[in-house]
Amino acid sequence: MTAKTSRSKSIITEGLWYNNPVFKQVLGICSTLAVTNLVLNTLVMCVALIFTLSLSSFTVSVLREFTPRNIRMMIETLIIAFYVIIVDVLLKAFWPEMSGNLGPYVGLIITNCIVMGRCEAYGNSNPPAKAFIDGFFNALGYTFILLIIATFREILGMGTFLGFAVPYFSGPNWDKWIIMVMPPGAFFMLAIVTWIFRSIQAVKEDKAK
């Protein structure tokens, strides 16, 4: 394995697992709690974040040599806002129903600490290709956790997955857990998922020692 491949693998595993933005850093919690009641809403939100984070980090990296240090965070915010506006406009133009479902949360990607954090911590001090990979896989790590939460919330709370009825959970023998599609359900699932994945990570770290 070459040094370049090893570095790329390290970036990928950091974003997906070892430094996962949700269960490890506990970032981006607003959208985690707000849009995970339905898998489709979550999927669209995650695609929007992947697009925004990877391209924002890439752009910040490209412009890092030309950006004055004292205004770099304002420039980063403008770059993030540019990509978020593209997503928001496209949703309103081609999928207005989904735009309405997500409400203000697409626009709030601008303030998502995962996006700003990766642009500032990594994109601002690394080459464009690495910055893109880092942003892409941190966003995938976010997506991975949100889809797990959304899947359990929709199945247990509504008896469906992507709007399709799930056997048993949509039948008369299953009393739907309405609390799972309400805000407390998001807190419960986030806590459970964080506990499970941190426990797995701790066991692996102990074995590695």
Protein backbone atom coordinates (compact mmCIF):
# COMPACT_ATOMS: atom_id res chain seq x y z
CA MET A 1 0.00 0.00 0.00
CA THR A 2 1.47 3.36 -1.04
CA ALA A 3 1.69 6.32 1.34
CA LYS A 4 -0.90 8.20 -0.75
CA THR A 5 -3.38 5.31 -0.58
CA SER A 6 -2.78 4.95 3.15
CA ARG A 7 -3.51 8.65 3.73
CA SER A 8 -6.70 8.45 1.67
CA LYS A 9 -7.83 5.37 3.61
CA SER A 10 -7.14 7.20 6.88
CA ILE A 11 -9.27 10.17 5.76
CA ILE A 12 -12.12 7.84 4.78
CA THR A 13 -12.11 5.81 8.01
CA GLU A 14 -11.88 8.96 10.12
CA GLY A 15 -14.98 10.46 8.50
CA LEU A 16 -17.02 7.27 8.45
CA TRP A 17 -16.07 5.80 11.81
CA TYR A 18 -13.24 6.92 14.11
CA ASN A 19 -14.18 10.61 14.07
CA ASN A 20 -17.80 10.28 12.92
CA PRO A 21 -19.44 13.73 13.11
CA VAL A 22 -22.63 12.48 14.79
CA PHE A 23 -21.88 9.72 17.29
CA LYS A 24 -18.26 10.70 17.99
CA GLN A 25 -18.27 14.51 17.77
CA VAL A 26 -22.02 14.99 18.41
CA LEU A 27 -22.33 17.63 15.66
CA GLY A 28 -25.20 18.44 13.30
CA ILE A 29 -27.75 17.45 15.94
CA CYS A 30 -30.46 19.91 14.82
CA SER A 31 -31.02 18.16 11.50
CA THR A 32 -30.49 14.76 13.15
CA LEU A 33 -33.46 15.46 15.41
CA ALA A 34 -35.59 17.41 12.93
CA VAL A 35 -35.72 15.44 9.67
CA THR A 36 -35.29 11.80 10.69
CA ASN A 37 -38.98 11.00 11.14
CA LEU A 38 -39.13 9.82 7.50
CA VAL A 39 -36.39 8.02 5.57
CA LEU A 40 -37.07 9.90 2.32
CA ASN A 41 -36.76 13.31 3.99
CA THR A 42 -33.55 12.15 5.66
CA LEU A 43 -32.11 10.83 2.40
CA VAL A 44 -32.72 14.11 0.59
CA MET A 45 -31.24 16.10 3.47
CA CYS A 46 -28.17 13.86 3.50
CA VAL A 47 -27.64 14.20 -0.26
CA ALA A 48 -27.86 17.97 0.18
CA LEU A 49 -25.24 17.84 2.93
CA ILE A 50 -22.91 15.56 0.91
CA PHE A 51 -23.10 17.96 -2.03
CA THR A 52 -22.58 21.04 0.13
CA LEU A 53 -19.83 19.74 2.41
CA SER A 54 -17.67 18.07 -0.22
CA LEU A 55 -17.80 20.98 -2.68
CA SER A 56 -17.50 23.65 0.03
CA SER A 57 -14.40 22.00 1.48
CA PHE A 58 -12.95 21.63 -2.01
CA THR A 59 -13.61 25.28 -2.85
CA VAL A 60 -12.21 26.54 0.45
CA SER A 61 -9.05 24.53 -0.26
CA VAL A 62 -8.72 25.93 -3.80
CA LEU A 63 -9.04 29.50 -2.50
CA ARG A 64 -7.05 29.08 0.72
CA GLU A 65 -3.89 30.73 -0.66
CA PHE A 66 -5.87 33.80 -1.74
CA THR A 67 -8.06 34.17 1.34
CA PRO A 68 -6.89 36.67 4.01
CA ARG A 69 -6.73 34.93 7.38
CA ASN A 70 -8.70 37.63 9.17
CA ILE A 71 -11.79 37.18 6.97
CA ARG A 72 -11.47 33.48 6.16
CA MET A 73 -14.59 32.42 8.11
CA MET A 74 -16.73 34.97 6.31
CA ILE A 75 -15.44 33.65 2.98
CA GLU A 76 -16.13 30.07 4.09
CA THR A 77 -19.70 31.02 5.07
CA LEU A 78 -20.26 32.64 1.66
CA ILE A 79 -18.94 29.55 -0.12
CA ILE A 80 -21.18 27.24 1.94
CA ALA A 81 -24.17 29.55 1.34
CA PHE A 82 -23.54 29.43 -2.43
CA TYR A 83 -23.88 25.63 -2.54
CA VAL A 84 -26.82 25.58 -0.12
CA ILE A 85 -28.70 28.10 -2.29
CA ILE A 86 -28.15 25.86 -5.33
CA VAL A 87 -29.71 22.91 -3.46
CA ASP A 88 -32.56 25.04 -2.12
CA VAL A 89 -33.42 26.50 -5.53
CA LEU A 90 -33.30 23.09 -7.24
CA LEU A 91 -35.60 21.57 -4.62
CA LYS A 92 -38.09 24.42 -4.88
CA ALA A 93 -38.05 24.22 -8.68
CA PHE A 94 -38.20 20.45 -9.19
CA TRP A 95 -39.51 19.01 -5.91
CA PRO A 96 -41.57 21.68 -4.12
CA GLU A 97 -43.31 19.09 -1.92
CA MET A 98 -39.98 17.90 -0.51
CA SER A 99 -38.84 21.50 -0.13
CA GLY A 100 -41.93 22.13 1.98
CA ASN A 101 -41.34 18.95 4.01
CA LEU A 102 -37.80 19.97 4.89
CA GLY A 103 -38.83 23.56 5.60
CA PRO A 104 -35.97 25.75 6.83
CA TYR A 105 -33.57 22.87 7.47
CA VAL A 106 -31.97 22.95 4.00
CA GLY A 107 -31.14 26.62 4.52
CA LEU A 108 -29.79 25.84 7.96
CA ILE A 109 -27.05 23.69 6.41
CA ILE A 110 -25.21 27.03 6.20
CA THR A 111 -24.94 27.03 10.00
CA ASN A 112 -24.34 23.28 10.34
CA CYS A 113 -21.19 22.95 12.45
CA ILE A 114 -20.10 19.84 10.53
CA VAL A 115 -19.80 21.85 7.31
CA MET A 116 -18.09 24.88 8.83
CA GLY A 117 -15.91 22.67 11.03
CA ARG A 118 -14.53 20.56 8.17
CA CYS A 119 -13.98 23.60 5.93
CA GLU A 120 -12.07 25.37 8.70
CA ALA A 121 -10.20 22.41 10.18
CA TYR A 122 -9.35 20.51 7.00
CA GLY A 123 -10.24 22.34 3.79
CA ASN A 124 -8.38 25.45 4.91
CA SER A 125 -5.07 23.65 5.34
CA ASN A 126 -5.02 20.74 2.85
CA PRO A 127 -4.93 20.25 -0.94
CA PRO A 128 -8.26 20.30 -2.84
CA ALA A 129 -8.44 16.55 -3.56
CA LYS A 130 -7.90 15.63 0.09
CA ALA A 131 -10.36 18.33 1.20
CA PHE A 132 -13.01 16.92 -1.16
CA ILE A 133 -12.47 13.35 0.10
CA ASP A 134 -12.58 14.49 3.72
CA GLY A 135 -15.80 16.45 3.18
CA PHE A 136 -17.42 13.67 1.20
CA PHE A 137 -16.74 10.92 3.74
CA ASN A 138 -17.58 13.06 6.78
CA ALA A 139 -20.92 13.72 5.09
CA LEU A 140 -21.31 9.98 4.40
CA GLY A 141 -20.60 9.31 8.08
CA TYR A 142 -23.39 11.75 8.94
CA THR A 143 -25.66 10.06 6.36
CA PHE A 144 -24.93 6.59 7.72
CA ILE A 145 -26.10 7.50 11.24
CA LEU A 146 -29.12 9.57 10.16
CA LEU A 147 -30.45 6.81 7.91
CA ILE A 148 -30.21 4.27 10.74
CA ILE A 149 -32.15 6.60 13.04
CA ALA A 150 -34.72 7.44 10.35
CA THR A 151 -35.27 3.78 9.42
CA PHE A 152 -36.13 2.74 12.97
CA ARG A 153 -38.26 5.83 13.59
CA GLU A 154 -40.35 5.39 10.43
CA ILE A 155 -40.81 1.63 10.79
CA LEU A 156 -41.67 1.68 14.49
CA GLY A 157 -43.70 4.89 14.36
CA MET A 158 -45.55 4.56 11.04
CA GLY A 159 -45.10 0.97 9.93
CA THR A 160 -43.57 2.05 6.63
CA PHE A 161 -40.17 2.35 4.93
CA LEU A 162 -39.81 4.99 2.20
CA GLY A 163 -43.59 5.20 2.31
CA PHE A 164 -44.13 1.48 1.64
CA ALA A 165 -45.86 -0.69 4.22
CA VAL A 166 -43.57 -3.02 6.17
CA PRO A 167 -45.07 -6.46 6.95
CA TYR A 168 -46.07 -6.96 10.58
CA PHE A 169 -45.26 -3.35 11.55
CA SER A 170 -48.10 -2.09 9.33
CA GLY A 171 -50.57 -4.77 10.36
CA PRO A 172 -53.15 -4.93 13.15
CA ASN A 173 -50.79 -6.89 15.42
CA TRP A 174 -48.43 -3.94 15.76
CA ASP A 175 -49.48 -0.90 17.79
CA LYS A 176 -47.55 1.94 16.14
CA TRP A 177 -45.20 3.81 18.46
CA ILE A 178 -46.33 7.33 17.57
CA ILE A 179 -43.74 8.76 19.93
CA MET A 180 -41.03 7.61 17.50
CA VAL A 181 -42.09 10.15 14.87
CA MET A 182 -42.34 12.90 17.49
CA PRO A 183 -39.33 14.90 18.80
CA PRO A 184 -38.76 12.64 21.86
CA GLY A 185 -38.36 9.66 19.52
CA ALA A 186 -35.46 11.40 17.81
CA PHE A 187 -33.71 11.96 21.15
CA PHE A 188 -34.23 8.33 22.17
CA MET A 189 -32.90 6.94 18.89
CA LEU A 190 -29.92 9.30 18.78
CA ALA A 191 -28.97 8.31 22.32
CA ILE A 192 -29.32 4.58 21.60
CA VAL A 193 -27.35 4.74 18.33
CA THR A 194 -24.61 6.86 19.93
CA TRP A 195 -24.34 4.44 22.86
CA ILE A 196 -24.16 1.37 20.59
CA PHE A 197 -21.54 2.75 18.19
CA ARG A 198 -19.39 4.28 20.92
CA SER A 199 -19.46 0.96 22.77
CA ILE A 200 -18.37 -0.89 19.61
CA GLN A 201 -15.63 1.65 19.03
CA ALA A 202 -14.41 1.36 22.64
CA VAL A 203 -14.22 -2.45 22.37
CA LYS A 204 -12.22 -2.21 19.14
CA GLU A 205 -9.84 0.32 20.67
CA ASP A 206 -9.31 -1.93 23.71
CA LYS A 207 -8.53 -4.89 21.45
CA ALA A 208 -6.09 -2.77 19.45
CA LYS A 209 -4.18 -1.94 22.64
